[in-house]
Amino acid sequence: MLRVAVRWNWKPLSSLPLTRFTRQNLHTLNPNLLFPTSKLFCSASLQTSPSINGQLDPYLRCSMPHNPLRVAVLISGGVDSSVALRLLHAAGHSCTAFYLKIWFQEDFENFWSECPWEDDLKYAKDVCNQVEVPLEVVHLTDEYWKNVVSYIIEEYQCGRTPNPDVLCNTRIKFGAFLDAISDMGFDYVASGHYANVIHPSADQMDGPSTLELSQDMVKDQTYFLSHLSQSQLKQLLFPLGCIPKDEVRRLATKFDLPNKDRKDSQGICFLGKIKFSEFVARHIGEKEGIILEAETGDFLGKHRGFWFYTIGQRQGLRLPGGPWYVVEKDVKNNVVFVSRNYFSIDKRRRVFRVGSLKWLSGLPPSQTSQLRCKVRHGPGFYDCSLQMELEGENPIDSAVVRISEDDQGLAAGQFTAFYEGRTCIGSGVILESWDDQGFPVCTKALEIARMEDKSKIGNPVKIKVKPDNPQEVCDSTELATKAS
């Protein structure tokens, strides 16, 4: 079996011919490519389709069985992508597996004794070896830094909370990688995502593909895929969209996968074993600032930089008498405002704005009054309405969203995904997280935040027991709209 470690220069590869790649030709086009003397993609030609095990038929509904295809399968070393690969193989497709190495380990070489991706790659190789599927290792560090990580850093520096996983899917897994193999003859690109893509029938090939909720509503990942374009969606297969997670685990045992007992990854996709705070400190740095109580202006303590905190956060504040929540940030003055009244009934959070709208069909929905939305990954939905904003008489790519219930965790920079029934129709980025203003911060707190010499504030106050009636803490006439 051919196993190749490839260091790809992505832009030139998108113009390479489909078949008969030779070592000499590739090296002439890109001298940075590293591989043995055998042909790079010789094993990507169509194989004789294996017979479908009758016991697996119920699990192949999302794998396009009985129609042999050439499929590029993204494999991570985890259980989900491994089962997806085996299902596609069982469905009779000719598969080539690709492991995307996006870890920028040079910046963190002193943080571990073993590279965090080595175990992943070992499992991926072992899974592919079981059914003699070729595996290519693709280095996307530069592309990932340029298109995802640098954006994340910029967003945190501006006080917003971006979503790395949405960006990774849009710009890397189904962006740079998909573009690079566009001329290589693959019919589809597949992964272990929990989602279901419905492609038009053969007699309606001009129709749009749609993104549907997976069978497992808890694991459903349509939220992370909601910012894809129609051209991206048309090229995707998600074999696990028809299968609940517990069945995927049972299939891993049935296939006797080497990673059948491996735990699911829970971290941000590019961080591996590094804590997020360590990543932020390394790439943004630290700058001491103050923590103020939003309702009173009391000086409660200090922090390492507002970019370490997000709206709604309660962990890591290290304040007694809580729970305390981050409710507002003054980016200009590096001040974090906190409150113990984050969930009080007077703090309505049902209206917010979204921008950078992208619709999976290419067009906005025809009706916008009876939609559903997710404001984060998970099984929860809100009924919502969408009012497109206009510039003159022309619609622009922003809208006002009204949800059916209060939400305490809306944060600028996060995505909101929209649904019609079980169909995900698109998404946008949250611009403002409150109805018409930020969390109410009293005048005293705003004045202290604007002080140039904060050494004059003195020492932090001794935190008192939370009052029974938070409205008595700060007169409502003093409440200002937002930290400037």
Foldseek 3Di string as FASTA:
>chain_A
DAEFEFEDPQPLLLPDAADDAAPVVVCVSPVRTDGDRDGDCPQQPADFFDAADPVCVVLQPLLPAPPEFREEQEAFLALLSLLVVVSNSNSRYQYAYEYEAQAPCVLPVPPDPDPLRPNRVVLVVQSCVVVVHYYYYYYCNVQCCVQAVVVQLVQLLVVFHAARLLSCVAPPVLNSVVSSCVNNRGQAYEGRAQWGWAADDPVPNVAFIFIFFAPALFRTDVQSVQAHARVSSNRYTHSRSDPYPVVSLVVCVVSVRPCSPPDDDDDRPHQRPDDPVVVNCSPVNFDKDFEAAQFALFTAGIDGFSSVAFFQDQPPPPGPQASKTFFAAQSVLRYTYIYRCLPPPVQAFFKFKFFPWHWHRRDDDPAFQFKWKDQDDGNDIWGKGWAFDDDVNHTHRMIMIGTDGGDSHHTFNTKMWMGDVRTTTHITTTHDGGHPFTDWGFPSNLVQSPDPDNVVVDDGDDDDHDDPDSCVRHPPVRTDGGRD
